[in-house]
């Protein structure tokens, strides 16, 4: 009987999608995969198992040190503060933060608050990069110091934020970026318990696109999809290379796994503009751009002159009505190129373009490349 590799998956923070990603590689390579849910007694786990390799997401270093001493191939999925010469496979936190900042800017939010990362390295990376991308375009990021948790004390800090703008709490229109979905869900609950509207007063964006978290919410959560399943598969492929070398690693390489994109839902579906005319026009554009509308159609739908609409947009929004229509179309094209096999003719028809040439020209202006090249590059990145 052929000897199977026995692989241990030790997750201090368990996500079934990571497990599923690792399991895909395990199945292809004949591994026996074990994932104990209770790892508090790691000595018992290690002493009673034959282990050929391990993928771990642990804050403590003692268990990781066990693998190093016993020359067992190990891949770390965290950014814990240890000096062990082992490879790490983690989320690309800079890319996650960039997607989050772009999402808030797309909806007009220039002021976003976050919670103190509470010395969690993963969250610190996301915060630093998020500040960079928000401030680069004139936005501001305020850090609340509510013990690193979304407690009712957040409301007191929101009141202070509103007061600094000479506003009442219920007049606020700000964004909240959560480092992961459970904190985002807690924030939604805190807001609703204090009669704050989501997203009208507080637009909430999380990270990880956890469907189990989202299923329990009355306001569906927008989230950056960090591709936890792909992350698990990437960690397993890294371990596979170590097993082929038949030795533990002496490398401190950090492999960054890219996110898939933002999954937009109700919790951010509101434009942060004070002018009701512009807010209504933005929602109308979002719901009708694929009909081939022009700026004049928006003005007609809003019951104002085109000049009046242009002036209102110029006073309180970053784009003109025409620019917003083009923005919505090109980003819809981007999504279809990434997620479908539709032809350019089909995409043009579904995104409001009269011809394929007009789609290509508009797309090139926005993304700096042709739709064909964009699709090819995106497919390659999705396989990584």
Protein backbone atom coordinates (compact mmCIF):
# COMPACT_ATOMS: atom_id res chain seq x y z
CA UNK A 1 0.00 0.00 0.00
CA UNK A 2 1.38 3.41 -1.00
CA UNK A 3 2.32 5.66 1.90
CA UNK A 4 0.21 8.83 2.00
CA UNK A 5 1.38 12.23 3.12
CA UNK A 6 -0.29 13.28 6.36
CA UNK A 7 -0.85 17.04 6.33
CA UNK A 8 -1.99 19.04 9.34
CA UNK A 9 -4.09 22.20 8.92
CA UNK A 10 -3.84 24.21 12.15
CA UNK A 11 -6.08 27.27 12.05
CA UNK A 12 -6.42 29.46 15.11
CA UNK A 13 -8.89 31.49 13.04
CA UNK A 14 -10.95 28.96 11.10
CA UNK A 15 -12.55 29.67 7.73
CA UNK A 16 -14.13 26.79 5.86
CA UNK A 17 -13.10 28.36 2.54
CA UNK A 18 -9.40 28.15 3.47
CA UNK A 19 -10.00 24.52 4.39
CA UNK A 20 -11.71 23.91 1.04
CA UNK A 21 -8.85 25.51 -0.89
CA UNK A 22 -6.27 23.37 0.89
CA UNK A 23 -8.46 20.29 0.41
CA UNK A 24 -8.50 20.78 -3.37
CA UNK A 25 -4.71 20.49 -3.52
CA UNK A 26 -4.71 17.68 -0.96
CA UNK A 27 -7.12 15.65 -3.07
CA UNK A 28 -5.06 16.10 -6.23
CA UNK A 29 -1.89 14.96 -4.50
CA UNK A 30 -3.19 12.12 -2.35
CA UNK A 31 -2.69 13.87 0.98
CA UNK A 32 -4.50 12.79 4.12
CA UNK A 33 -5.64 16.18 5.42
CA UNK A 34 -6.39 16.64 9.12
CA UNK A 35 -7.84 19.86 10.54
CA UNK A 36 -8.47 19.71 14.30
CA UNK A 37 -10.94 22.41 15.33
CA UNK A 38 -9.72 22.60 18.94
CA UNK A 39 -6.04 23.48 18.95
CA UNK A 40 -5.80 24.71 22.54
CA UNK A 41 -4.02 21.50 23.50
CA UNK A 42 -1.47 21.44 20.67
CA UNK A 43 0.87 19.10 22.56
CA UNK A 44 -1.76 16.35 22.38
CA UNK A 45 -2.39 17.05 18.70
CA UNK A 46 1.28 16.85 17.77
CA UNK A 47 2.32 13.91 19.94
CA UNK A 48 -0.41 11.63 18.61
CA UNK A 49 -0.08 12.23 14.88
CA UNK A 50 2.27 11.30 12.10
CA UNK A 51 2.89 14.63 10.35
CA UNK A 52 4.62 15.11 6.99
CA UNK A 53 3.77 18.79 6.60
CA UNK A 54 1.70 21.59 8.09
CA UNK A 55 -0.18 24.71 7.06
CA UNK A 56 -0.73 26.95 10.07
CA UNK A 57 -2.47 30.17 10.99
CA UNK A 58 -1.36 30.70 14.57
CA UNK A 59 -0.57 33.70 16.75
CA UNK A 60 1.65 31.76 19.17
CA UNK A 61 5.14 30.64 18.24
CA UNK A 62 5.56 27.48 20.34
CA UNK A 63 3.69 25.21 17.93
CA UNK A 64 5.48 26.70 14.93
CA UNK A 65 8.80 26.16 16.70
CA UNK A 66 7.92 22.47 17.12
CA UNK A 67 7.79 22.04 13.34
CA UNK A 68 11.06 23.89 12.82
CA UNK A 69 12.90 21.77 15.38
CA UNK A 70 11.57 18.55 13.88
CA UNK A 71 12.36 19.61 10.30
CA UNK A 72 8.72 19.28 9.21
CA UNK A 73 7.81 21.37 6.14
CA UNK A 74 5.64 24.28 7.30
CA UNK A 75 3.76 27.17 5.67
CA UNK A 76 2.51 30.03 7.83
CA UNK A 77 -0.67 31.89 6.78
CA UNK A 78 -0.25 34.73 9.26
CA UNK A 79 1.94 37.72 10.00
CA UNK A 80 2.72 36.80 13.58
CA UNK A 81 5.78 38.36 15.15
CA UNK A 82 8.18 35.42 14.93
CA UNK A 83 11.58 35.11 13.26
CA UNK A 84 11.24 31.56 11.99
CA UNK A 85 12.70 30.93 8.50
CA UNK A 86 9.46 29.69 6.97
CA UNK A 87 7.43 30.93 4.00
CA UNK A 88 4.21 32.84 4.59
CA UNK A 89 1.17 32.98 2.33
CA UNK A 90 -1.13 35.87 3.24
CA UNK A 91 -3.71 38.20 1.72
CA UNK A 92 -2.43 41.12 -0.34
CA UNK A 93 -3.46 43.78 2.16
CA UNK A 94 -2.31 46.68 0.02
CA UNK A 95 -4.49 45.51 -2.87
CA UNK A 96 -7.43 44.99 -0.49
CA UNK A 97 -7.04 48.53 0.84
CA UNK A 98 -6.81 49.97 -2.67
CA UNK A 99 -10.07 48.28 -3.68
CA UNK A 100 -11.74 49.59 -0.52
CA UNK A 101 -10.56 53.16 -1.11
CA UNK A 102 -11.66 53.05 -4.75
CA UNK A 103 -15.08 51.74 -3.72
CA UNK A 104 -15.64 54.57 -1.24
CA UNK A 105 -14.45 57.18 -3.75
CA UNK A 106 -16.76 55.74 -6.41
CA UNK A 107 -19.69 56.53 -4.13
CA UNK A 108 -18.35 59.98 -3.26
CA UNK A 109 -17.14 59.26 0.28
CA UNK A 110 -14.14 61.38 1.18
CA UNK A 111 -14.42 60.86 4.94
CA UNK A 112 -14.09 57.33 6.31
CA UNK A 113 -13.48 56.11 9.84
CA UNK A 114 -11.80 52.92 11.02
CA UNK A 115 -11.15 51.26 14.36
CA UNK A 116 -7.78 50.96 16.02
CA UNK A 117 -6.09 47.82 14.59
CA UNK A 118 -5.23 46.77 18.15
CA UNK A 119 -1.68 45.65 17.24
CA UNK A 120 -2.89 43.05 14.73
CA UNK A 121 -0.28 43.12 11.96
CA UNK A 122 -2.74 42.14 9.21
CA UNK A 123 -5.07 44.98 10.17
CA UNK A 124 -2.20 47.45 10.54
CA UNK A 125 -1.15 46.73 6.96
CA UNK A 126 -4.70 47.27 5.71
CA UNK A 127 -5.03 50.54 7.63
CA UNK A 128 -1.69 52.00 6.47
CA UNK A 129 -2.43 51.22 2.82
CA UNK A 130 -6.05 52.41 3.10
CA UNK A 131 -4.91 55.77 4.49
CA UNK A 132 -2.42 56.10 1.65
CA UNK A 133 -4.98 55.49 -1.10
CA UNK A 134 -7.71 57.62 0.50
CA UNK A 135 -5.46 60.58 1.26
CA UNK A 136 -3.85 60.44 -2.19
CA UNK A 137 -7.15 61.62 -3.66
CA UNK A 138 -7.98 64.15 -0.96
CA UNK A 139 -9.89 61.87 1.41
CA UNK A 140 -9.50 61.64 5.17
CA UNK A 141 -9.36 58.59 7.46
CA UNK A 142 -10.19 58.95 11.16
CA UNK A 143 -9.15 56.22 13.58
CA UNK A 144 -11.55 55.57 16.47
CA UNK A 145 -9.98 54.23 19.65
CA UNK A 146 -12.86 52.15 21.01
CA UNK A 147 -10.64 49.37 22.40
CA UNK A 148 -10.35 47.91 18.90
CA UNK A 149 -13.96 46.71 19.00
CA UNK A 150 -17.24 47.99 17.58
CA UNK A 151 -18.89 48.85 20.88
CA UNK A 152 -21.46 51.51 21.74
CA UNK A 153 -18.56 53.86 22.54
CA UNK A 154 -18.20 54.20 18.78
CA UNK A 155 -21.40 56.27 18.90
CA UNK A 156 -19.73 58.77 21.23
CA UNK A 157 -16.85 59.13 18.78
CA UNK A 158 -19.31 59.52 15.91
CA UNK A 159 -21.02 62.31 17.86
CA UNK A 160 -17.66 64.04 18.25
CA UNK A 161 -17.05 63.65 14.51
CA UNK A 162 -20.46 65.15 13.72
CA UNK A 163 -19.88 68.00 16.18
CA UNK A 164 -16.58 68.88 14.50
CA UNK A 165 -18.59 69.43 11.30
CA UNK A 166 -21.37 71.38 13.06
CA UNK A 167 -23.79 68.57 12.38
CA UNK A 168 -26.12 66.39 14.38
CA UNK A 169 -25.37 62.67 14.57
CA UNK A 170 -28.30 61.78 12.31
CA UNK A 171 -26.99 64.21 9.67
CA UNK A 172 -23.68 62.39 9.22
CA UNK A 173 -22.73 60.80 5.92
CA UNK A 174 -19.48 58.90 6.37
CA UNK A 175 -17.94 55.56 5.47
CA UNK A 176 -16.68 52.82 7.77
CA UNK A 177 -13.95 50.43 6.65
CA UNK A 178 -13.81 47.23 8.71
CA UNK A 179 -10.73 45.02 8.55
CA UNK A 180 -12.96 41.93 8.42
CA UNK A 181 -16.64 41.13 8.05
CA UNK A 182 -17.51 40.31 11.66
CA UNK A 183 -16.49 43.82 12.74
CA UNK A 184 -18.50 45.25 9.85
CA UNK A 185 -21.57 43.26 10.94
CA UNK A 186 -21.18 44.51 14.51
CA UNK A 187 -20.98 48.08 13.23
CA UNK A 188 -24.23 47.65 11.30
CA UNK A 189 -25.90 46.41 14.50
CA UNK A 190 -24.51 49.33 16.54
CA UNK A 191 -25.78 51.83 13.98
CA UNK A 192 -29.26 50.31 13.77
CA UNK A 193 -29.54 50.14 17.58
CA UNK A 194 -28.81 53.87 17.71
CA UNK A 195 -31.23 54.88 14.93
CA UNK A 196 -28.47 55.54 12.39
CA UNK A 197 -29.27 54.54 8.84
CA UNK A 198 -27.01 52.20 6.88
CA UNK A 199 -25.80 53.26 4.36
CA UNK A 200 -27.34 56.78 4.40
CA UNK A 201 -25.55 57.86 7.62
CA UNK A 202 -22.80 55.22 7.76
CA UNK A 203 -21.77 53.21 4.69
CA UNK A 204 -20.15 49.97 5.89
CA UNK A 205 -17.54 47.96 3.96
CA UNK A 206 -15.97 44.76 5.25
CA UNK A 207 -13.27 42.33 4.09
CA UNK A 208 -13.46 38.59 3.25
CA UNK A 209 -17.00 38.38 1.77
CA UNK A 210 -18.07 35.87 4.42
CA UNK A 211 -21.43 34.51 3.26
CA UNK A 212 -22.23 33.10 6.71
CA UNK A 213 -21.88 36.55 8.28
CA UNK A 214 -23.91 38.18 5.53
CA UNK A 215 -26.82 35.74 5.78
CA UNK A 216 -27.70 37.00 9.27
CA UNK A 217 -27.85 40.71 8.40
CA UNK A 218 -30.93 42.78 7.61
CA UNK A 219 -28.70 45.16 5.62
CA UNK A 220 -26.59 43.10 3.25
CA UNK A 221 -22.88 43.77 3.65
CA UNK A 222 -20.58 45.05 0.93
CA UNK A 223 -17.19 43.41 1.22
CA UNK A 224 -13.79 43.04 -0.41
CA UNK A 225 -13.54 39.40 -1.51
CA UNK A 226 -10.09 38.35 -0.31
CA UNK A 227 -10.51 34.94 -2.00
CA UNK A 228 -10.06 32.79 1.10
CA UNK A 229 -10.44 29.61 -0.93
CA UNK A 230 -7.72 30.71 -3.35
CA UNK A 231 -5.58 31.71 -0.38
CA UNK A 232 -5.84 28.19 1.05
CA UNK A 233 -4.98 26.67 -2.32
CA UNK A 234 -1.95 28.98 -2.65
CA UNK A 235 -0.69 27.93 0.79
CA UNK A 236 -1.14 24.25 -0.14
CA UNK A 237 0.77 24.71 -3.40
CA UNK A 238 3.60 26.33 -1.46
CA UNK A 239 3.69 23.36 0.91
CA UNK A 240 3.66 21.01 -2.09
CA UNK A 241 6.89 22.59 -3.33
CA UNK A 242 8.49 22.09 0.09
CA UNK A 243 7.43 18.44 0.12
CA UNK A 244 8.97 17.93 -3.30
CA UNK A 245 12.26 19.27 -1.93
CA UNK A 246 11.89 16.85 1.03
CA UNK A 247 13.06 19.38 3.56
CA UNK A 248 11.84 22.27 5.67
CA UNK A 249 12.32 25.77 4.32
CA UNK A 250 14.95 28.31 5.26
CA UNK A 251 13.12 31.10 3.45
CA UNK A 252 11.25 34.04 4.96
CA UNK A 253 9.44 34.69 1.68
CA UNK A 254 6.01 36.34 1.97
CA UNK A 255 3.63 35.41 -0.85
CA UNK A 256 0.75 37.88 -1.26
CA UNK A 257 -2.49 36.42 -2.62
CA UNK A 258 -4.58 39.00 -4.55
CA UNK A 259 -8.25 39.76 -3.76
CA UNK A 260 -10.98 39.12 -6.32
CA UNK A 261 -12.70 42.50 -6.04
CA UNK A 262 -15.45 44.31 -4.15
CA UNK A 263 -18.85 42.65 -3.83
CA UNK A 264 -21.19 45.65 -3.60
CA UNK A 265 -24.39 45.22 -1.61
CA UNK A 266 -26.84 47.42 0.27
CA UNK A 267 -24.49 48.57 3.08
CA UNK A 268 -22.63 50.97 0.74
CA UNK A 269 -25.38 51.60 -1.82
CA UNK A 270 -25.71 55.31 -1.16
CA UNK A 271 -23.91 58.30 -2.65
CA UNK A 272 -22.31 60.59 -0.07
CA UNK A 273 -23.56 63.90 -1.45
CA UNK A 274 -25.69 66.43 0.40
CA UNK A 275 -27.61 67.58 -2.66
CA UNK A 276 -30.73 65.36 -3.02
CA UNK A 277 -30.93 66.12 -6.75
CA UNK A 278 -27.41 64.81 -7.36
CA UNK A 279 -27.93 61.80 -5.08
CA UNK A 280 -31.12 60.84 -6.93
CA UNK A 281 -29.46 61.42 -10.31
CA UNK A 282 -26.54 59.17 -9.36
CA UNK A 283 -28.86 56.35 -8.38
CA UNK A 284 -30.84 56.82 -11.59
CA UNK A 285 -27.67 56.65 -13.68
CA UNK A 286 -26.55 53.50 -11.86
CA UNK A 287 -29.88 51.81 -12.61
CA UNK A 288 -30.20 52.98 -16.24
CA UNK A 289 -26.72 53.43 -17.79
CA UNK A 290 -27.05 50.18 -19.76
CA UNK A 291 -29.95 51.65 -21.78
CA UNK A 292 -27.58 53.94 -23.73
CA UNK A 293 -28.62 57.08 -21.84
CA UNK A 294 -27.07 60.53 -22.24
CA UNK A 295 -26.72 63.39 -19.76
CA UNK A 296 -29.84 65.00 -21.25
CA UNK A 297 -31.84 61.87 -20.35
CA UNK A 298 -30.73 62.21 -16.73
CA UNK A 299 -31.87 65.84 -16.61
CA UNK A 300 -35.25 64.89 -18.08
CA UNK A 301 -35.69 62.07 -15.55
CA UNK A 302 -34.87 64.49 -12.70
CA UNK A 303 -37.20 67.21 -14.08
CA UNK A 304 -34.49 69.87 -14.43
CA UNK A 305 -32.58 71.52 -17.25
CA UNK A 306 -29.32 69.99 -18.40
CA UNK A 307 -27.50 73.18 -17.36
CA UNK A 308 -29.04 72.99 -13.88
CA UNK A 309 -27.99 69.37 -13.50
CA UNK A 310 -24.44 70.13 -14.65
CA UNK A 311 -24.17 72.98 -12.14
CA UNK A 312 -25.45 70.82 -9.27
CA UNK A 313 -22.92 68.09 -10.09
CA UNK A 314 -20.08 70.62 -10.35
CA UNK A 315 -20.89 71.98 -6.89
CA UNK A 316 -20.92 68.71 -4.94
CA UNK A 317 -19.65 65.74 -6.95
CA UNK A 318 -16.34 64.70 -8.45
CA UNK A 319 -17.69 63.90 -11.94
CA UNK A 320 -20.09 65.43 -14.43
CA UNK A 321 -23.26 63.48 -15.36
CA UNK A 322 -21.64 62.38 -18.63
CA UNK A 323 -18.47 61.27 -16.87
CA UNK A 324 -20.50 59.28 -14.35
CA UNK A 325 -22.36 57.49 -17.14
CA UNK A 326 -19.07 56.56 -18.83
CA UNK A 327 -17.63 55.46 -15.49
CA UNK A 328 -20.58 53.15 -14.81
CA UNK A 329 -20.39 51.66 -18.31
CA UNK A 330 -16.65 50.99 -18.39
CA UNK A 331 -16.69 49.38 -14.96
CA UNK A 332 -19.63 47.20 -15.98
CA UNK A 333 -17.58 46.15 -19.01
CA UNK A 334 -14.63 45.39 -16.72
CA UNK A 335 -16.80 43.15 -14.54
CA UNK A 336 -18.20 41.24 -17.53
CA UNK A 337 -14.75 40.76 -19.03
CA UNK A 338 -13.51 39.29 -15.74
CA UNK A 339 -16.49 37.12 -14.91
CA UNK A 340 -17.97 35.93 -18.22
CA UNK A 341 -17.05 34.61 -21.66
CA UNK A 342 -19.42 37.08 -23.38
CA UNK A 343 -18.28 38.53 -26.71
CA UNK A 344 -17.58 42.24 -27.09
CA UNK A 345 -20.76 42.55 -29.16
CA UNK A 346 -22.80 41.05 -26.31
CA UNK A 347 -21.08 43.23 -23.71
CA UNK A 348 -21.62 46.37 -25.78
CA UNK A 349 -25.35 45.63 -26.05
CA UNK A 350 -25.63 45.04 -22.31
CA UNK A 351 -23.67 48.12 -21.24
CA UNK A 352 -25.29 50.81 -23.37
CA UNK A 353 -22.77 51.15 -26.20
CA UNK A 354 -23.96 51.71 -29.76
CA UNK A 355 -20.96 49.93 -31.30
CA UNK A 356 -18.06 47.72 -30.28
CA UNK A 357 -15.64 50.43 -31.42
CA UNK A 358 -17.15 52.96 -29.01
CA UNK A 359 -16.80 50.39 -26.21
CA UNK A 360 -13.13 49.74 -27.06
CA UNK A 361 -12.27 53.45 -27.26
CA UNK A 362 -14.00 54.28 -23.98
CA UNK A 363 -12.44 51.28 -22.22
CA UNK A 364 -8.95 52.19 -23.44
CA UNK A 365 -9.29 55.74 -22.08
CA UNK A 366 -10.29 54.45 -18.61
CA UNK A 367 -8.07 51.38 -18.23
CA UNK A 368 -5.19 52.17 -20.57
CA UNK A 369 -5.53 48.90 -22.46
CA UNK A 370 -7.90 47.09 -24.81
CA UNK A 371 -10.71 44.87 -23.52
CA UNK A 372 -9.01 41.83 -25.08
CA UNK A 373 -5.70 42.39 -23.28
CA UNK A 374 -7.53 43.23 -20.05
CA UNK A 375 -9.47 39.95 -20.16
CA UNK A 376 -6.31 37.92 -20.91
CA UNK A 377 -4.35 39.42 -18.02
CA UNK A 378 -7.28 39.01 -15.65
CA UNK A 379 -7.68 35.32 -16.49
CA UNK A 380 -4.01 34.72 -15.76
CA UNK A 381 -4.24 36.46 -12.38
CA UNK A 382 -7.30 34.42 -11.40
CA UNK A 383 -5.30 31.22 -11.82
CA UNK A 384 -2.61 32.34 -9.46
